[in-house]
């Protein structure tokens, strides 16, 4: 069937989808749009730069604030360290002061302990019936009286005071009933007998005779010189201002100035001798009297008078300055030995 026309195609009832809208074609770029984009870009860059600058400034300010805060904290820390150091030095000073105070207190405590031990020992000795506490006190009193009597005699030259002190010591020893001290009482009796035999203290006698010699020697020398001038013959009184006869032997002072100097020297030597007698210096006493004899010869143009004065000085030099009591101090020495042995 070639001549038969084709059958028509069946028509579907479903409508066909619409065709998509075609995309608009991009508009061709213009010159005004590029300039606007450049301006926007510049503004964006400026804004970004301004924002970055402000952030940098804020970071710099924060860094400065942090540095200032760190400086303040460092200064505060240094101040605290200095305060701690001052407190440490103060504490060290207090500790040293406390240490010194403790040492002083320890020494005082040791001293108190030693004194307490001594007191306990003394009380124990006094309370010991074998040691006789009352007897020990009497011996102490007797020793003190003997020391006082010896010093009164040797230092103050008080013979009567020494005798009274020894008498009191004898009375104290008489109250001791221990037969071991019988020899001590006998020694004291001998020493008291030696003191009673002394008529006067030798130093007092020597100084009194020395003072009398000084008074008579100086006054007699001046009066004798004046009498000698008045007793000169008429030709010596007449020609005395022109001619002057002096002894050829010896160095007798004739001029008033020489005689005044010699008298001053004599007084000085006699004063030295008196001081030596005060301290019982026998060698110094005799040496001063020998020098005084030389000045006596220079002041006296009469050989007889000079020899007489020299003899008086030799007699003064021979005087003793200490009491001749061989038993002086023997009682005190024996008492101390007995107490030490017991």
Protein backbone atom coordinates (compact mmCIF):
# COMPACT_ATOMS: atom_id res chain seq x y z
CA UNK A 1 0.00 0.00 0.00
CA UNK A 2 2.22 2.59 -1.21
CA UNK A 3 -0.49 5.00 -2.11
CA UNK A 4 -1.89 5.09 1.37
CA UNK A 5 -1.07 8.13 3.28
CA UNK A 6 0.58 7.74 6.70
CA UNK A 7 -1.60 7.81 9.65
CA UNK A 8 -1.47 10.88 11.76
CA UNK A 9 0.56 10.70 14.96
CA UNK A 10 -1.26 10.53 18.15
CA UNK A 11 -1.43 13.77 20.01
CA UNK A 12 -0.47 13.57 23.74
CA UNK A 13 -2.68 15.31 26.26
CA UNK A 14 0.30 16.55 28.41
CA UNK A 15 1.35 20.07 27.60
CA UNK A 16 4.99 20.68 26.76
CA UNK A 17 7.26 22.56 29.35
CA UNK A 18 8.00 26.17 28.67
CA UNK A 19 11.26 27.02 27.19
CA UNK A 20 13.86 28.56 29.60
CA UNK A 21 14.50 32.32 29.55
CA UNK A 22 17.66 33.15 27.88
CA UNK A 23 20.40 34.89 30.13
CA UNK A 24 20.83 38.53 29.41
CA UNK A 25 24.03 39.35 27.83
CA UNK A 26 26.47 41.36 30.01
CA UNK A 27 26.46 44.96 29.30
CA UNK A 28 29.60 46.18 27.87
CA UNK A 29 31.81 47.98 30.45
CA UNK A 30 31.72 51.68 30.51
CA UNK A 31 34.36 54.26 31.70
CA UNK A 32 32.24 55.64 34.60
CA UNK A 33 31.87 52.24 36.24
CA UNK A 34 35.66 51.58 36.39
CA UNK A 35 36.33 54.89 38.11
CA UNK A 36 33.71 54.14 40.72
CA UNK A 37 35.26 50.78 41.43
CA UNK A 38 38.68 52.38 41.84
CA UNK A 39 37.30 54.94 44.27
CA UNK A 40 35.61 52.20 46.28
CA UNK A 41 38.84 50.25 46.35
CA UNK A 42 40.86 53.28 47.52
CA UNK A 43 38.28 54.05 50.20
CA UNK A 44 38.42 50.45 51.34
CA UNK A 45 42.21 50.55 51.51
CA UNK A 46 42.17 53.84 53.42
CA UNK A 47 39.63 52.44 55.84
CA UNK A 48 41.73 49.34 56.31
CA UNK A 49 44.86 51.48 56.84
CA UNK A 50 43.03 53.72 59.31
CA UNK A 51 41.75 50.67 61.17
CA UNK A 52 45.25 49.15 61.22
CA UNK A 53 46.75 52.45 62.42
CA UNK A 54 44.21 52.77 65.20
CA UNK A 55 44.87 49.17 66.24
CA UNK A 56 48.60 49.81 66.26
CA UNK A 57 48.12 52.97 68.32
CA UNK A 58 45.99 51.06 70.78
CA UNK A 59 48.61 48.31 71.03
CA UNK A 60 51.34 50.95 71.58
CA UNK A 61 49.28 52.65 74.29
CA UNK A 62 48.59 49.29 75.89
CA UNK A 63 52.32 48.47 75.79
CA UNK A 64 53.20 51.83 77.37
CA UNK A 65 50.55 51.35 80.05
CA UNK A 66 51.85 47.85 80.70
CA UNK A 67 55.44 49.16 80.91
CA UNK A 68 54.39 51.97 83.28
CA UNK A 69 52.44 49.48 85.38
CA UNK A 70 55.46 47.16 85.42
CA UNK A 71 57.69 50.08 86.54
CA UNK A 72 55.28 50.95 89.31
CA UNK A 73 55.12 47.36 90.41
CA UNK A 74 58.92 47.11 90.27
CA UNK A 75 59.30 50.27 92.37
CA UNK A 76 56.76 48.97 94.85
CA UNK A 77 58.60 45.65 94.96
CA UNK A 78 61.94 47.42 95.51
CA UNK A 79 60.34 49.48 98.28
CA UNK A 80 59.07 46.33 99.92
CA UNK A 81 62.50 44.71 99.58
CA UNK A 82 64.13 47.80 101.17
CA UNK A 83 61.58 47.67 103.96
CA UNK A 84 62.29 44.00 104.49
CA UNK A 85 66.01 44.74 104.60
CA UNK A 86 65.48 47.49 107.15
CA UNK A 87 63.32 45.18 109.20
CA UNK A 88 65.99 42.50 108.91
CA UNK A 89 68.70 44.92 110.11
CA UNK A 90 66.47 46.03 112.97
CA UNK A 91 65.81 42.43 113.90
CA UNK A 92 69.54 41.70 113.73
CA UNK A 93 70.25 44.64 116.04
CA UNK A 94 67.57 43.49 118.44
CA UNK A 95 68.97 39.98 118.38
CA UNK A 96 72.49 41.28 119.09
CA UNK A 97 71.18 43.46 121.92
CA UNK A 98 69.21 40.55 123.29
CA UNK A 99 72.33 38.38 123.04
CA UNK A 100 74.39 40.96 124.93
CA UNK A 101 71.65 41.29 127.53
CA UNK A 102 71.52 37.53 127.88
CA UNK A 103 75.28 37.38 128.38
CA UNK A 104 75.10 40.08 131.06
CA UNK A 105 72.23 38.31 132.75
CA UNK A 106 74.10 35.01 132.53
CA UNK A 107 77.19 36.57 134.12
CA UNK A 108 75.07 38.17 136.83
CA UNK A 109 73.33 34.87 137.42
CA UNK A 110 76.68 33.12 137.69
CA UNK A 111 77.88 35.80 140.11
CA UNK A 112 74.72 35.41 142.18
CA UNK A 113 75.24 31.66 142.17
CA UNK A 114 78.84 32.05 143.31
CA UNK A 115 77.86 34.48 146.05
CA UNK A 116 75.09 32.15 147.14
CA UNK A 117 77.59 29.28 147.24
CA UNK A 118 79.98 31.36 149.34
CA UNK A 119 77.17 32.34 151.70
CA UNK A 120 76.10 28.72 152.00
CA UNK A 121 79.69 27.71 152.68
CA UNK A 122 80.07 30.41 155.32
CA UNK A 123 76.79 29.49 156.97
CA UNK A 124 77.77 25.82 156.90
CA UNK A 125 81.08 26.63 158.52
CA UNK A 126 79.41 28.73 161.19
CA UNK A 127 76.79 26.05 161.81
CA UNK A 128 79.37 23.26 162.00
CA UNK A 129 79.77 22.39 165.70
CA UNK A 130 83.28 21.12 165.09
CA UNK A 131 84.46 24.49 163.78
CA UNK A 132 82.96 26.55 166.61
CA UNK A 133 81.31 29.43 164.72
CA UNK A 134 81.60 31.84 167.65
CA UNK A 135 85.29 31.02 167.93
CA UNK A 136 85.79 31.75 164.21
CA UNK A 137 84.13 35.14 164.65
CA UNK A 138 86.38 35.91 167.61
CA UNK A 139 89.45 34.97 165.59
CA UNK A 140 88.32 37.27 162.78
CA UNK A 141 87.88 40.10 165.26
CA UNK A 142 91.30 39.45 166.80
CA UNK A 143 92.97 39.43 163.37
CA UNK A 144 91.28 42.71 162.46
CA UNK A 145 92.41 44.34 165.71
CA UNK A 146 95.99 43.15 165.22
CA UNK A 147 96.06 44.55 161.67
CA UNK A 148 94.66 47.86 162.90
CA UNK A 149 97.21 48.09 165.69
CA UNK A 150 100.13 47.39 163.37
CA UNK A 151 98.94 49.95 160.84
CA UNK A 152 98.35 52.56 163.52
CA UNK A 153 101.95 52.15 164.61
CA UNK A 154 103.69 51.89 161.23
CA UNK A 155 101.59 54.33 159.19
CA UNK A 156 100.14 56.85 161.64
CA UNK A 157 102.93 56.59 164.26
CA UNK A 158 100.20 56.34 166.90
CA UNK A 159 101.83 54.30 169.65
CA UNK A 160 98.94 54.74 172.09
CA UNK A 161 96.39 53.67 169.44
CA UNK A 162 98.47 50.59 168.66
CA UNK A 163 98.63 49.67 172.35
CA UNK A 164 94.84 49.99 172.68
CA UNK A 165 94.25 47.82 169.61
CA UNK A 166 96.59 45.12 170.92
CA UNK A 167 94.88 45.25 174.31
CA UNK A 168 91.49 44.71 172.65
CA UNK A 169 92.92 41.79 170.65
CA UNK A 170 94.24 40.24 173.87
CA UNK A 171 90.78 40.50 175.42
CA UNK A 172 89.22 38.78 172.41
CA UNK A 173 91.78 35.96 172.48
CA UNK A 174 91.20 35.48 176.20
CA UNK A 175 87.57 34.58 175.39
CA UNK A 176 88.66 31.59 173.27
CA UNK A 177 88.76 28.40 175.32
CA UNK A 178 90.58 26.32 172.72
CA UNK A 179 93.95 25.23 174.19
CA UNK A 180 95.48 25.24 170.70
CA UNK A 181 95.62 29.06 170.88
CA UNK A 182 97.55 29.19 174.15
CA UNK A 183 100.85 29.81 172.34
CA UNK A 184 99.17 32.59 170.37
CA UNK A 185 98.22 34.39 173.58
CA UNK A 186 101.79 34.04 174.85
CA UNK A 187 103.15 35.55 171.64
CA UNK A 188 100.72 38.45 171.98
CA UNK A 189 101.90 39.06 175.56
CA UNK A 190 105.50 39.32 174.35
CA UNK A 191 104.55 41.69 171.55
CA UNK A 192 102.59 43.90 173.94
CA UNK A 193 105.59 43.97 176.30
CA UNK A 194 107.78 45.19 173.44
CA UNK A 195 105.29 47.96 172.64
CA UNK A 196 105.03 48.99 176.28
CA UNK A 197 108.81 49.24 176.46
CA UNK A 198 108.81 51.95 173.79
CA UNK A 199 108.91 55.40 175.35
CA UNK A 200 107.95 57.15 172.13
CA UNK A 201 107.58 56.37 168.46
CA UNK A 202 111.07 56.69 166.85
CA UNK A 203 109.86 58.54 163.79
CA UNK A 204 108.10 61.17 165.88
CA UNK A 205 111.25 61.67 167.97
CA UNK A 206 113.47 61.99 164.89
CA UNK A 207 111.15 64.50 163.22
CA UNK A 208 110.87 66.59 166.41
CA UNK A 209 114.66 66.76 166.79
CA UNK A 210 115.02 67.55 163.10
CA UNK A 211 112.56 70.44 163.37
CA UNK A 212 114.38 71.79 166.44
CA UNK A 213 117.71 71.58 164.63
CA UNK A 214 116.31 73.37 161.58
CA UNK A 215 114.93 76.20 163.71
CA UNK A 216 118.07 76.71 165.78
CA UNK A 217 120.52 76.27 162.91
CA UNK A 218 118.90 78.82 160.62
CA UNK A 219 118.20 81.41 163.32
CA UNK A 220 121.63 80.98 164.96
CA UNK A 221 123.38 81.32 161.62
CA UNK A 222 121.63 84.61 160.88
CA UNK A 223 122.15 86.00 164.43
CA UNK A 224 125.80 84.92 164.53
CA UNK A 225 126.51 86.60 161.22
CA UNK A 226 124.96 89.86 162.50
CA UNK A 227 126.91 89.66 165.81
CA UNK A 228 130.10 88.97 163.91
CA UNK A 229 129.61 92.09 161.83
CA UNK A 230 128.99 94.18 164.93
CA UNK A 231 132.04 92.70 166.74
CA UNK A 232 134.47 93.51 163.96
CA UNK A 233 137.42 95.77 164.92
CA UNK A 234 137.36 99.43 164.02
CA UNK A 235 139.77 99.05 161.13
CA UNK A 236 137.64 96.30 159.56
CA UNK A 237 134.51 98.40 159.99
CA UNK A 238 136.33 101.41 158.53
CA UNK A 239 137.98 99.66 155.62
CA UNK A 240 135.36 96.96 155.18
CA UNK A 241 133.87 98.49 152.03
CA UNK A 242 137.38 98.65 150.47
CA UNK A 243 139.01 95.48 151.80
CA UNK A 244 137.40 92.19 152.73
CA UNK A 245 139.28 89.31 154.35
CA UNK A 246 137.90 85.84 153.73
CA UNK A 247 139.14 82.38 154.76
CA UNK A 248 141.38 80.83 152.14
CA UNK A 249 140.18 77.31 152.96
CA UNK A 250 136.60 76.31 152.23
CA UNK A 251 133.85 78.00 150.31
CA UNK A 252 132.05 80.09 152.93
CA UNK A 253 129.23 82.23 151.56
CA UNK A 254 129.89 85.88 152.32
CA UNK A 255 127.68 87.80 149.95
CA UNK A 256 124.06 88.26 151.04
CA UNK A 257 122.78 86.65 147.85
CA UNK A 258 125.04 83.62 148.31
CA UNK A 259 124.00 83.23 151.92
CA UNK A 260 120.30 83.51 151.00
CA UNK A 261 120.75 80.79 148.36
CA UNK A 262 122.65 78.59 150.83
CA UNK A 263 119.96 79.03 153.49
CA UNK A 264 117.26 78.15 150.93
CA UNK A 265 119.21 75.03 149.94
CA UNK A 266 119.61 74.06 153.61
CA UNK A 267 115.88 74.45 154.21
CA UNK A 268 115.18 72.34 151.13
CA UNK A 269 117.47 69.51 152.27
CA UNK A 270 115.92 69.55 155.74
CA UNK A 271 112.44 69.37 154.17
CA UNK A 272 113.56 66.40 152.06
CA UNK A 273 114.90 64.71 155.18
CA UNK A 274 111.58 65.32 156.94
CA UNK A 275 109.65 63.78 154.04
CA UNK A 276 111.96 60.75 154.03
CA UNK A 277 111.40 60.34 157.77
CA UNK A 278 107.64 60.44 157.18
CA UNK A 279 107.83 57.41 154.88
CA UNK A 280 110.57 55.73 156.97
CA UNK A 281 113.09 55.96 154.14
CA UNK A 282 116.36 55.60 156.07
CA UNK A 283 118.66 55.95 153.05
CA UNK A 284 116.93 59.06 151.75
CA UNK A 285 116.82 60.56 155.24
CA UNK A 286 120.56 60.12 155.82
CA UNK A 287 121.50 61.30 152.30
CA UNK A 288 119.50 64.52 152.80
CA UNK A 289 121.20 65.15 156.15
CA UNK A 290 124.65 64.66 154.56
CA UNK A 291 123.83 67.25 151.92
CA UNK A 292 122.54 69.59 154.64
CA UNK A 293 125.91 69.26 156.41
CA UNK A 294 127.63 70.63 153.29
CA UNK A 295 125.37 73.68 153.30
CA UNK A 296 126.04 74.17 157.02
CA UNK A 297 129.76 74.43 156.25
CA UNK A 298 129.06 76.97 153.54
CA UNK A 299 126.99 79.11 155.89
CA UNK A 300 129.38 79.01 158.88
CA UNK A 301 132.75 80.71 158.86
CA UNK A 302 133.47 79.32 162.32
CA UNK A 303 135.00 75.87 162.08
CA UNK A 304 134.03 75.03 165.66
CA UNK A 305 130.40 75.89 165.04
CA UNK A 306 130.43 73.99 161.76
CA UNK A 307 131.86 70.89 163.46
CA UNK A 308 129.20 71.16 166.15
CA UNK A 309 126.44 71.37 163.58
CA UNK A 310 127.89 68.45 161.67
CA UNK A 311 127.95 66.39 164.86
CA UNK A 312 124.30 67.24 165.46
CA UNK A 313 123.42 66.15 161.93
CA UNK A 314 125.32 62.89 162.38
CA UNK A 315 123.42 62.27 165.60
CA UNK A 316 120.14 62.93 163.78
CA UNK A 317 121.14 60.57 160.99
CA UNK A 318 121.85 57.83 163.52
CA UNK A 319 118.33 57.99 164.95
CA UNK A 320 116.06 55.05 164.05
CA UNK A 321 112.88 55.69 162.08
CA UNK A 322 111.10 52.42 162.86
CA UNK A 323 110.27 50.96 166.26
CA UNK A 324 112.81 48.42 167.44
CA UNK A 325 110.31 45.70 168.37
CA UNK A 326 111.52 42.33 167.02
CA UNK A 327 108.22 40.67 167.86
CA UNK A 328 106.11 43.25 166.03
CA UNK A 329 103.64 41.44 163.73
CA UNK A 330 104.53 37.97 164.99
CA UNK A 331 101.12 37.42 166.60
CA UNK A 332 99.29 38.29 163.41
CA UNK A 333 101.52 36.01 161.33
CA UNK A 334 101.13 33.12 163.77
CA UNK A 335 97.35 33.55 163.86
CA UNK A 336 97.10 33.44 160.08
CA UNK A 337 99.28 30.35 159.89
CA UNK A 338 97.20 28.54 162.50
CA UNK A 339 93.92 29.40 160.77
CA UNK A 340 95.30 28.30 157.39
CA UNK A 341 96.53 24.97 158.77
CA UNK A 342 93.20 24.27 160.46
